[in-house]
C-alpha atoms as a PDB file:
ATOM      1  CA  MET A   1     -40.084  31.983 -46.529  1.00  0.00           C
ATOM      2  CA  ALA A   2     -40.404  28.684 -48.581  1.00  0.00           C
ATOM      3  CA  ASP A   3     -36.473  28.845 -49.085  1.00  0.00           C
ATOM      4  CA  GLU A   4     -36.050  28.744 -45.590  1.00  0.00           C
ATOM      5  CA  GLU A   5     -37.741  26.306 -44.786  1.00  0.00           C
ATOM      6  CA  ASP A   6     -36.383  24.134 -47.486  1.00  0.00           C
ATOM      7  CA  LYS A   7     -33.098  24.629 -46.152  1.00  0.00           C
ATOM      8  CA  ALA A   8     -34.075  23.841 -42.662  1.00  0.00           C
ATOM      9  CA  GLY A   9     -35.533  20.480 -43.780  1.00  0.00           C
ATOM     10  CA  ILE A  10     -31.998  19.545 -45.552  1.00  0.00           C
ATOM     11  CA  ASP A  11     -29.675  21.083 -43.122  1.00  0.00           C
ATOM     12  CA  GLY A  12     -31.566  19.855 -40.035  1.00  0.00           C
ATOM     13  CA  THR A  13     -30.709  22.012 -36.874  1.00  0.00           C
ATOM     14  CA  ASP A  14     -27.013  21.555 -36.887  1.00  0.00           C
ATOM     15  CA  GLY A  15     -26.499  22.441 -40.644  1.00  0.00           C
ATOM     16  CA  THR A  16     -25.331  19.032 -41.923  1.00  0.00           C
ATOM     17  CA  LEU A  17     -27.103  17.150 -44.407  1.00  0.00           C
ATOM     18  CA  PRO A  18     -29.078  14.454 -43.015  1.00  0.00           C
ATOM     19  CA  LEU A  19     -27.595  11.616 -45.116  1.00  0.00           C
ATOM     20  CA  ASP A  20     -24.123  12.633 -44.004  1.00  0.00           C
ATOM     21  CA  THR A  21     -22.699   9.770 -42.161  1.00  0.00           C
ATOM     22  CA  ALA A  22     -19.893  10.002 -39.448  1.00  0.00           C
ATOM     23  CA  GLY A  23     -17.657   8.626 -41.863  1.00  0.00           C
ATOM     24  CA  ILE A  24     -18.241  11.411 -44.495  1.00  0.00           C
ATOM     25  CA  LEU A  25     -17.841  14.448 -41.925  1.00  0.00           C
ATOM     26  CA  LEU A  26     -14.833  13.011 -40.798  1.00  0.00           C
ATOM     27  CA  ARG A  27     -13.494  12.553 -44.093  1.00  0.00           C
ATOM     28  CA  ARG A  28     -14.411  16.055 -45.128  1.00  0.00           C
ATOM     29  CA  ALA A  29     -12.700  17.559 -41.682  1.00  0.00           C
ATOM     30  CA  ARG A  30      -9.579  15.629 -42.909  1.00  0.00           C
ATOM     31  CA  GLU A  31      -9.691  16.871 -46.585  1.00  0.00           C
ATOM     32  CA  GLU A  32     -10.694  20.700 -45.271  1.00  0.00           C
ATOM     33  CA  GLY A  33      -7.626  20.456 -42.779  1.00  0.00           C
ATOM     34  CA  LYS A  34      -5.487  18.778 -45.398  1.00  0.00           C
ATOM     35  CA  PHE A  35      -4.284  15.799 -43.396  1.00  0.00           C
ATOM     36  CA  THR A  36      -3.542  12.899 -45.287  1.00  0.00           C
ATOM     37  CA  ILE A  37      -4.870   9.329 -44.250  1.00  0.00           C
ATOM     38  CA  GLU A  38      -1.306   8.742 -43.104  1.00  0.00           C
ATOM     39  CA  GLN A  39      -1.071  11.707 -41.111  1.00  0.00           C
ATOM     40  CA  ILE A  40      -4.305  10.906 -39.145  1.00  0.00           C
ATOM     41  CA  SER A  41      -3.230   6.835 -38.629  1.00  0.00           C
ATOM     42  CA  ALA A  42       0.196   8.538 -36.997  1.00  0.00           C
ATOM     43  CA  GLU A  43      -1.805  10.494 -34.657  1.00  0.00           C
ATOM     44  CA  THR A  44      -4.328   8.148 -33.642  1.00  0.00           C
ATOM     45  CA  ARG A  45      -2.443   4.877 -33.696  1.00  0.00           C
ATOM     46  CA  ILE A  46      -5.423   3.600 -35.850  1.00  0.00           C
ATOM     47  CA  SER A  47      -4.483   1.518 -38.525  1.00  0.00           C
ATOM     48  CA  GLN A  48      -5.163   3.062 -42.078  1.00  0.00           C
ATOM     49  CA  ARG A  49      -7.342   0.401 -43.228  1.00  0.00           C
ATOM     50  CA  HIS A  50      -9.606   1.057 -40.237  1.00  0.00           C
ATOM     51  CA  LEU A  51      -9.766   4.821 -41.014  1.00  0.00           C
ATOM     52  CA  ARG A  52     -10.762   4.054 -44.555  1.00  0.00           C
ATOM     53  CA  LEU A  53     -13.641   1.875 -43.332  1.00  0.00           C
ATOM     54  CA  ILE A  54     -14.818   4.336 -40.792  1.00  0.00           C
ATOM     55  CA  GLU A  55     -15.019   6.959 -43.668  1.00  0.00           C
ATOM     56  CA  GLU A  56     -16.542   4.731 -45.870  1.00  0.00           C
ATOM     57  CA  GLY A  57     -19.004   3.875 -43.368  1.00  0.00           C
ATOM     58  CA  ASP A  58     -18.261   0.045 -43.509  1.00  0.00           C
ATOM     59  CA  LEU A  59     -18.377   0.021 -39.481  1.00  0.00           C
ATOM     60  CA  ASP A  60     -19.227  -3.840 -39.749  1.00  0.00           C
ATOM     61  CA  GLY A  61     -15.581  -4.330 -41.046  1.00  0.00           C
ATOM     62  CA  LEU A  62     -14.139  -3.037 -37.656  1.00  0.00           C
ATOM     63  CA  PRO A  63     -13.670  -5.393 -35.070  1.00  0.00           C
ATOM     64  CA  GLY A  64     -16.604  -4.595 -33.058  1.00  0.00           C
ATOM     65  CA  ARG A  65     -19.124  -2.072 -31.591  1.00  0.00           C
ATOM     66  CA  THR A  66     -16.695  -0.618 -29.029  1.00  0.00           C
ATOM     67  CA  TYR A  67     -14.002  -0.179 -31.570  1.00  0.00           C
ATOM     68  CA  ALA A  68     -16.280   1.591 -34.235  1.00  0.00           C
ATOM     69  CA  ILE A  69     -16.925   4.136 -31.497  1.00  0.00           C
ATOM     70  CA  GLY A  70     -13.554   4.735 -29.912  1.00  0.00           C
ATOM     71  CA  PHE A  71     -12.158   4.878 -33.262  1.00  0.00           C
ATOM     72  CA  SER A  72     -14.449   7.224 -34.415  1.00  0.00           C
ATOM     73  CA  ARG A  73     -14.144   9.594 -31.290  1.00  0.00           C
ATOM     74  CA  SER A  74     -10.116   9.503 -31.404  1.00  0.00           C
ATOM     75  CA  TYR A  75     -10.491  10.367 -35.126  1.00  0.00           C
ATOM     76  CA  ALA A  76     -12.811  13.135 -34.707  1.00  0.00           C
ATOM     77  CA  LYS A  77     -10.495  14.749 -32.137  1.00  0.00           C
ATOM     78  CA  ALA A  78      -7.621  14.444 -34.576  1.00  0.00           C
ATOM     79  CA  VAL A  79      -9.600  16.435 -37.135  1.00  0.00           C
ATOM     80  CA  GLY A  80     -10.999  19.101 -34.807  1.00  0.00           C
ATOM     81  CA  LEU A  81     -14.715  17.869 -34.671  1.00  0.00           C
ATOM     82  CA  ASP A  82     -17.118  17.139 -31.794  1.00  0.00           C
ATOM     83  CA  ASP A  83     -16.070  13.608 -30.645  1.00  0.00           C
ATOM     84  CA  LYS A  84     -19.457  13.041 -28.811  1.00  0.00           C
ATOM     85  CA  LYS A  85     -21.190  14.046 -31.416  1.00  0.00           C
ATOM     86  CA  ILE A  86     -19.624  11.735 -33.812  1.00  0.00           C
ATOM     87  CA  ALA A  87     -19.815   9.101 -31.258  1.00  0.00           C
ATOM     88  CA  ALA A  88     -23.477   9.215 -31.159  1.00  0.00           C
ATOM     89  CA  MET A  89     -23.836   9.447 -35.076  1.00  0.00           C
ATOM     90  CA  VAL A  90     -22.145   6.306 -34.977  1.00  0.00           C
ATOM     91  CA  ARG A  91     -24.195   4.363 -32.180  1.00  0.00           C
ATOM     92  CA  THR A  92     -26.884   5.434 -34.247  1.00  0.00           C
ATOM     93  CA  GLU A  93     -25.726   4.071 -37.493  1.00  0.00           C
ATOM     94  CA  LEU A  94     -24.735   0.843 -35.766  1.00  0.00           C
ATOM     95  CA  ALA A  95     -28.456   0.435 -33.991  1.00  0.00           C
ATOM     96  CA  GLU A  96     -29.589   0.975 -37.680  1.00  0.00           C
ATOM     97  CA  GLY A  97     -27.062  -1.787 -39.014  1.00  0.00           C
ATOM     98  CA  GLY A  98     -28.672  -4.094 -35.963  1.00  0.00           C
ATOM     99  CA  GLN A  99     -25.419  -3.855 -33.721  1.00  0.00           C
ATOM    100  CA  ASP A 100     -26.246  -3.262 -29.936  1.00  0.00           C
ATOM    101  CA  ASP A 101     -24.262  -3.127 -26.522  1.00  0.00           C
ATOM    102  CA  ARG A 102     -24.753  -6.612 -25.705  1.00  0.00           C
ATOM    103  CA  GLY A 103     -21.289  -8.497 -24.758  1.00  0.00           C
ATOM    104  CA  ASN A 104     -19.539  -4.822 -24.137  1.00  0.00           C
ATOM    105  CA  ALA A 105     -18.868  -3.460 -21.003  1.00  0.00           C
ATOM    106  CA  ALA A 106     -20.747   0.157 -20.364  1.00  0.00           C
ATOM    107  CA  GLY A 107     -18.662   3.080 -21.344  1.00  0.00           C
ATOM    108  CA  PHE A 108     -15.524   1.169 -22.611  1.00  0.00           C
ATOM    109  CA  GLU A 109     -14.440   2.731 -25.950  1.00  0.00           C
ATOM    110  CA  PRO A 110     -11.004   1.663 -26.882  1.00  0.00           C
ATOM    111  CA  GLY A 111      -8.898   4.121 -29.163  1.00  0.00           C
ATOM    112  CA  ASP A 112      -6.569   1.577 -30.247  1.00  0.00           C
ATOM    113  CA  PRO A 113      -6.300  -2.160 -30.155  1.00  0.00           C
ATOM    114  CA  ALA A 114      -2.570  -2.276 -29.905  1.00  0.00           C
ATOM    115  CA  ARG A 115      -3.099  -0.366 -26.447  1.00  0.00           C
ATOM    116  CA  ILE A 116      -5.033  -3.044 -24.860  1.00  0.00           C
ATOM    117  CA  PRO A 117      -2.935  -5.525 -22.971  1.00  0.00           C
ATOM    118  CA  THR A 118      -4.119  -9.094 -23.442  1.00  0.00           C
ATOM    119  CA  ARG A 119      -5.759 -11.096 -20.864  1.00  0.00           C
ATOM    120  CA  GLY A 120      -2.917 -12.935 -19.762  1.00  0.00           C
ATOM    121  CA  LEU A 121      -0.881  -9.476 -19.248  1.00  0.00           C
ATOM    122  CA  ALA A 122      -3.942  -7.857 -17.726  1.00  0.00           C
ATOM    123  CA  TRP A 123      -4.003 -11.060 -14.747  1.00  0.00           C
ATOM    124  CA  LEU A 124      -0.258 -11.017 -14.753  1.00  0.00           C
ATOM    125  CA  SER A 125      -0.164  -7.158 -13.742  1.00  0.00           C
ATOM    126  CA  ALA A 126      -3.102  -7.253 -11.337  1.00  0.00           C
ATOM    127  CA  LEU A 127      -1.327 -10.358  -9.319  1.00  0.00           C
ATOM    128  CA  ALA A 128       1.617  -7.996  -9.150  1.00  0.00           C
ATOM    129  CA  ALA A 129       0.078  -4.897  -7.735  1.00  0.00           C
ATOM    130  CA  ILE A 130      -1.690  -7.300  -5.113  1.00  0.00           C
ATOM    131  CA  LEU A 131       1.806  -8.892  -4.035  1.00  0.00           C
ATOM    132  CA  LEU A 132       3.375  -5.311  -3.903  1.00  0.00           C
ATOM    133  CA  ILE A 133       0.481  -4.027  -1.780  1.00  0.00           C
ATOM    134  CA  VAL A 134       0.877  -7.144   0.451  1.00  0.00           C
ATOM    135  CA  GLY A 135       4.348  -6.690   0.852  1.00  0.00           C
ATOM    136  CA  GLY A 136       4.472  -3.258   1.134  1.00  0.00           C
ATOM    137  CA  PHE A 137       2.085  -3.517   4.096  1.00  0.00           C
ATOM    138  CA  ALA A 138       3.733  -6.389   5.709  1.00  0.00           C
ATOM    139  CA  TYR A 139       7.269  -4.826   5.856  1.00  0.00           C
ATOM    140  CA  PHE A 140       6.015  -1.253   7.066  1.00  0.00           C
ATOM    141  CA  ARG A 141       3.094  -2.880   9.659  1.00  0.00           C
ATOM    142  CA  ASP A 142       5.701  -2.748  12.105  1.00  0.00           C
ATOM    143  CA  TYR A 143       6.783   0.673  12.005  1.00  0.00           C
ATOM    144  CA  PHE A 144       3.095   2.421  12.104  1.00  0.00           C
ATOM    145  CA  ILE A 145       1.476  -0.656  14.411  1.00  0.00           C
ATOM    146  CA  PRO A 146       3.938  -2.225  16.559  1.00  0.00           C
ATOM    147  CA  GLY A 147       1.983  -5.610  17.951  1.00  0.00           C
ATOM    148  CA  SER A 148      -0.515  -5.578  15.283  1.00  0.00           C
ATOM    149  CA  GLY A 149       1.023  -8.690  13.345  1.00  0.00           C
ATOM    150  CA  PRO A 150       1.206 -12.482  13.753  1.00  0.00           C
ATOM    151  CA  GLY A 151       3.415 -13.647  16.347  1.00  0.00           C
ATOM    152  CA  ALA A 152       7.316 -14.517  15.523  1.00  0.00           C
ATOM    153  CA  LEU A 153       7.990 -17.335  12.779  1.00  0.00           C
ATOM    154  CA  VAL A 154      11.019 -18.297  14.589  1.00  0.00           C
ATOM    155  CA  ALA A 155      11.212 -20.078  17.875  1.00  0.00           C
ATOM    156  CA  GLU A 156      11.180 -17.847  20.336  1.00  0.00           C
ATOM    157  CA  ALA A 157      14.004 -17.517  23.539  1.00  0.00           C
ATOM    158  CA  PRO A 158      12.183 -19.256  26.664  1.00  0.00           C
ATOM    159  CA  VAL A 159       9.781 -17.040  28.777  1.00  0.00           C
ATOM    160  CA  VAL A 160       9.814 -17.716  32.211  1.00  0.00           C
ATOM    161  CA  GLU A 161       8.181 -16.317  35.541  1.00  0.00           C
ATOM    162  CA  SER A 162      10.815 -14.480  36.950  1.00  0.00           C
ATOM    163  CA  GLU A 163      13.323 -16.363  38.979  1.00  0.00           C
ATOM    164  CA  ALA A 164      16.036 -13.633  39.612  1.00  0.00           C
ATOM    165  CA  PRO A 165      18.724 -14.346  41.927  1.00  0.00           C
ATOM    166  CA  THR A 166      18.335 -12.839  45.545  1.00  0.00           C
ATOM    167  CA  GLY A 167      20.468 -12.374  48.328  1.00  0.00           C
ATOM    168  CA  GLU A 168      24.124 -11.790  48.774  1.00  0.00           C
ATOM    169  CA  GLY A 169      24.647 -13.027  45.127  1.00  0.00           C
ATOM    170  CA  ALA A 170      22.235 -10.273  43.549  1.00  0.00           C
ATOM    171  CA  ALA A 171      23.986  -7.709  45.638  1.00  0.00           C
ATOM    172  CA  SER A 172      27.538  -8.957  44.364  1.00  0.00           C
ATOM    173  CA  SER A 173      26.026  -8.676  40.394  1.00  0.00           C
ATOM    174  CA  ALA A 174      24.863  -5.594  41.137  1.00  0.00           C
ATOM    175  CA  GLU A 175      28.026  -4.139  42.430  1.00  0.00           C
ATOM    176  CA  GLU A 176      30.100  -5.189  39.652  1.00  0.00           C
ATOM    177  CA  GLY A 177      27.793  -3.607  37.349  1.00  0.00           C
ATOM    178  CA  GLY A 178      26.159  -6.883  35.856  1.00  0.00           C
ATOM    179  CA  GLY A 179      23.698  -9.312  36.736  1.00  0.00           C
ATOM    180  CA  THR A 180      20.431 -11.140  35.224  1.00  0.00           C
ATOM    181  CA  VAL A 181      18.226  -8.797  33.516  1.00  0.00           C
ATOM    182  CA  VAL A 182      14.461  -9.574  33.747  1.00  0.00           C
ATOM    183  CA  PHE A 183      11.681  -7.790  32.059  1.00  0.00           C
ATOM    184  CA  THR A 184       8.180  -8.265  33.439  1.00  0.00           C
ATOM    185  CA  SER A 185       4.853  -7.283  32.079  1.00  0.00           C
ATOM    186  CA  LEU A 186       2.329  -5.142  34.191  1.00  0.00           C
ATOM    187  CA  GLU A 187      -0.503  -5.534  31.718  1.00  0.00           C
ATOM    188  CA  ASP A 188      -1.739  -7.767  29.359  1.00  0.00           C
ATOM    189  CA  GLY A 189      -0.923  -8.076  25.673  1.00  0.00           C
ATOM    190  CA  ILE A 190       2.396  -5.819  25.690  1.00  0.00           C
ATOM    191  CA  TRP A 191       3.964  -5.987  22.651  1.00  0.00           C
ATOM    192  CA  VAL A 192       7.581  -6.358  22.843  1.00  0.00           C
ATOM    193  CA  LYS A 193      10.691  -7.196  20.580  1.00  0.00           C
ATOM    194  CA  PHE A 194      14.119  -8.454  22.094  1.00  0.00           C
ATOM    195  CA  TYR A 195      16.975  -8.665  19.417  1.00  0.00           C
ATOM    196  CA  ASP A 196      20.818  -8.212  19.105  1.00  0.00           C
ATOM    197  CA  ALA A 197      22.947  -5.559  17.476  1.00  0.00           C
ATOM    198  CA  GLU A 198      22.892  -7.570  14.370  1.00  0.00           C
ATOM    199  CA  GLY A 199      19.086  -7.612  14.307  1.00  0.00           C
ATOM    200  CA  ASN A 200      18.873 -11.237  15.228  1.00  0.00           C
ATOM    201  CA  ARG A 201      15.570 -11.845  17.366  1.00  0.00           C
ATOM    202  CA  LEU A 202      15.869 -13.025  20.744  1.00  0.00           C
ATOM    203  CA  MET A 203      12.143 -12.647  21.324  1.00  0.00           C
ATOM    204  CA  GLU A 204       9.124 -11.061  19.875  1.00  0.00           C
ATOM    205  CA  LYS A 205       5.337 -11.332  21.134  1.00  0.00           C
ATOM    206  CA  GLN A 206       2.470  -9.583  23.034  1.00  0.00           C
ATOM    207  CA  MET A 207       3.566 -10.529  26.891  1.00  0.00           C
ATOM    208  CA  ALA A 208       0.661 -11.748  29.128  1.00  0.00           C
ATOM    209  CA  LEU A 209      -0.163  -9.954  32.642  1.00  0.00           C
ATOM    210  CA  ASN A 210       2.938 -10.842  34.826  1.00  0.00           C
ATOM    211  CA  GLU A 211       4.688 -12.580  31.972  1.00  0.00           C
ATOM    212  CA  SER A 212       8.847 -12.042  32.542  1.00  0.00           C
ATOM    213  CA  PHE A 213      11.480 -12.435  29.893  1.00  0.00           C
ATOM    214  CA  ILE A 214      15.260 -13.308  31.139  1.00  0.00           C
ATOM    215  CA  ILE A 215      17.576 -11.285  28.708  1.00  0.00           C
ATOM    216  CA  PRO A 216      20.061 -14.255  27.364  1.00  0.00           C
ATOM    217  CA  SER A 217      23.569 -13.846  29.395  1.00  0.00           C
ATOM    218  CA  ASP A 218      25.275 -14.540  25.999  1.00  0.00           C
ATOM    219  CA  VAL A 219      23.950 -11.760  24.119  1.00  0.00           C
ATOM    220  CA  ASP A 220      26.754  -8.877  24.073  1.00  0.00           C
ATOM    221  CA  GLU A 221      24.312  -6.085  23.138  1.00  0.00           C
ATOM    222  CA  PRO A 222      20.716  -6.799  23.714  1.00  0.00           C
ATOM    223  CA  LEU A 223      18.414  -3.851  22.207  1.00  0.00           C
ATOM    224  CA  ILE A 224      14.469  -3.380  22.586  1.00  0.00           C
ATOM    225  CA  TRP A 225      11.813  -2.267  20.384  1.00  0.00           C
ATOM    226  CA  THR A 226       8.087  -1.319  22.005  1.00  0.00           C
ATOM    227  CA  ALA A 227       5.600   1.489  22.274  1.00  0.00           C
ATOM    228  CA  ARG A 228       4.919   0.500  25.799  1.00  0.00           C
ATOM    229  CA  PRO A 229       7.784   0.879  27.807  1.00  0.00           C
ATOM    230  CA  GLU A 230       5.844   2.199  30.873  1.00  0.00           C
ATOM    231  CA  ALA A 231       4.183  -1.241  31.319  1.00  0.00           C
ATOM    232  CA  LEU A 232       7.430  -2.940  31.550  1.00  0.00           C
ATOM    233  CA  ALA A 233       8.917  -3.408  34.975  1.00  0.00           C
ATOM    234  CA  ILE A 234      13.070  -4.220  34.896  1.00  0.00           C
ATOM    235  CA  THR A 235      15.139  -5.633  37.337  1.00  0.00           C
ATOM    236  CA  VAL A 236      19.079  -6.277  37.346  1.00  0.00           C
ATOM    237  CA  GLY A 237      20.354  -8.968  39.549  1.00  0.00           C
ATOM    238  CA  GLY A 238      16.877  -8.944  41.450  1.00  0.00           C
ATOM    239  CA  LYS A 239      17.039  -5.482  42.031  1.00  0.00           C
ATOM    240  CA  PRO A 240      14.245  -3.014  40.339  1.00  0.00           C
ATOM    241  CA  VAL A 241      15.724  -0.506  38.254  1.00  0.00           C
ATOM    242  CA  PRO A 242      13.759   2.502  36.903  1.00  0.00           C
ATOM    243  CA  LYS A 243      11.266   1.876  33.937  1.00  0.00           C
ATOM    244  CA  LEU A 244      12.726   2.687  30.424  1.00  0.00           C
ATOM    245  CA  ALA A 245      10.029   5.536  30.153  1.00  0.00           C
ATOM    246  CA  GLU A 246       7.168   6.405  32.619  1.00  0.00           C
ATOM    247  CA  GLU A 247       4.548   7.390  29.492  1.00  0.00           C
ATOM    248  CA  LEU A 248       3.533   5.513  26.523  1.00  0.00           C
ATOM    249  CA  ARG A 249       5.872   6.106  23.660  1.00  0.00           C
ATOM    250  CA  THR A 250       7.720   4.137  20.824  1.00  0.00           C
ATOM    251  CA  LEU A 251      11.268   3.221  22.060  1.00  0.00           C
ATOM    252  CA  ARG A 252      13.401   1.361  19.482  1.00  0.00           C
ATOM    253  CA  ASP A 253      17.113   0.293  19.101  1.00  0.00           C
ATOM    254  CA  VAL A 254      17.501   0.997  23.423  1.00  0.00           C
ATOM    255  CA  PRO A 255      20.025  -1.127  24.864  1.00  0.00           C
ATOM    256  CA  VAL A 256      19.148  -3.169  27.605  1.00  0.00           C
ATOM    257  CA  SER A 257      21.924  -5.155  28.881  1.00  0.00           C
ATOM    258  CA  ALA A 258      22.534  -4.835  32.657  1.00  0.00           C
ATOM    259  CA  ALA A 259      25.363  -2.439  32.317  1.00  0.00           C
ATOM    260  CA  ALA A 260      23.333  -0.094  30.291  1.00  0.00           C
ATOM    261  CA  LEU A 261      20.184  -0.281  32.169  1.00  0.00           C
ATOM    262  CA  LEU A 262      22.414   0.513  35.343  1.00  0.00           C
ATOM    263  CA  ALA A 263      24.033   3.430  33.820  1.00  0.00           C
ATOM    264  CA  ARG A 264      20.436   5.056  32.968  1.00  0.00           C
ATOM    265  CA  SER A 265      19.614   4.415  36.697  1.00  0.00           C
ATOM    266  CA  GLY A 266      22.645   5.010  38.760  1.00  0.00           C
ATOM    267  CA  PRO A 267      24.086   2.699  41.308  1.00  0.00           C
ATOM    268  CA  LEU A 268      21.367   0.290  42.622  1.00  0.00           C
ATOM    269  CA  GLN A 269      20.266   1.258  46.115  1.00  0.00           C
ATOM    270  CA  GLN A 270      21.148  -1.226  48.782  1.00  0.00           C
ATOM    271  CA  SER A 271      18.974  -2.230  51.619  1.00  0.00           C
ATOM    272  CA  PRO A 272      19.578  -0.354  54.668  1.00  0.00           C
ATOM    273  CA  ALA A 273      21.376  -2.412  57.631  1.00  0.00           C
ATOM    274  CA  PRO A 274      19.382  -3.182  60.631  1.00  0.00           C
ATOM    275  CA  SER A 275      20.314  -0.969  63.171  1.00  0.00           C
ATOM    276  CA  GLU A 276      21.666  -1.922  66.373  1.00  0.00           C
ATOM    277  CA  PRO A 277      19.707  -1.978  69.445  1.00  0.00           C
ATOM    278  CA  SER A 278      20.055   0.784  71.701  1.00  0.00           C
ATOM    279  CA  THR A 279      21.651  -0.552  75.179  1.00  0.00           C
ATOM    280  CA  GLU A 280      21.198   2.884  76.847  1.00  0.00           C
ATOM    281  CA  THR A 281      18.751   3.100  80.044  1.00  0.00           C
END
C-alpha cells in the first residue's frame, strides 16, 4: 500500500513525472518514435533551433508566448501527443516564468511565423477582398435588383412629355409601319433602360408618373430592359399599341422600334369614319 502511495505521489494522475516539462515529454516522444529533429522540423515547418529550445524548456528564447504555445502544439501533434495537454503545460511553465497573455490576442497561437503574413500584406489582402466584393455587387446588381442603383452616370437623352404627332401625319406614319415611339410611365418610380444593339445607353432612370420618353428616330435597333412592362404605356405615331406585357416581369433586349412594336400588335386600328346622316323620311 505504501508503495502504491509513493508511486501515486511520483506519477500523479496521468503517470508522468511531476518534474517532466512539456519539452521533456516532446523529446521523449520523438526519440521513442525514432524521429530526428530534422524530420519534425520538416513536418511542422518550425525551425530546428526553436524545436531544440522547446525540448530544453528554454521558452524565453522563442519569439513570444503565442509562438511557444503554438509551436509546442504543432510539435505534439507531430509526435502523437495530446496537443491540448502540452499547450496547458506550456502555459503553466510560462506563467511560472512570469509571462502572461497581455498584448496577445485571445486564442491566437501560430504554428510557424513563416506562415503569418506581414502587416502590410494583410492590409493589402483585406483591401483587395473589399474591392472584389464591391465590384462584384456593382456588376451583378442590375441583374438581380433592377432600378436599385443610382442614376445614370452619363448624360441622358431628353425626357419630355408626350408630344406625339396627331391627325393625318400620325395615320400616315402608322400606315407606313413607322412613326414616333413614345413610352409613358403609368406609375411613379418605374425603372427602365433604353439602349441600342451595341449596348449604348439611350436613357436609364426611374420614371415619374406620366413621364414620357421618345425613342430617338436615328437609332436603328432600340431595345428596352425593365421589370415593370405593365406600367409603361406605348404609342406609335400617336396611336396606342399594346403594352409589352400585362403583368410584372423582367424583360430585357426587347426591340422597341416602331416596326417591331407594330409587328407585335398588328395593324393599328383606325378611327371609324363618321356615318352619313340618313336622308330617308
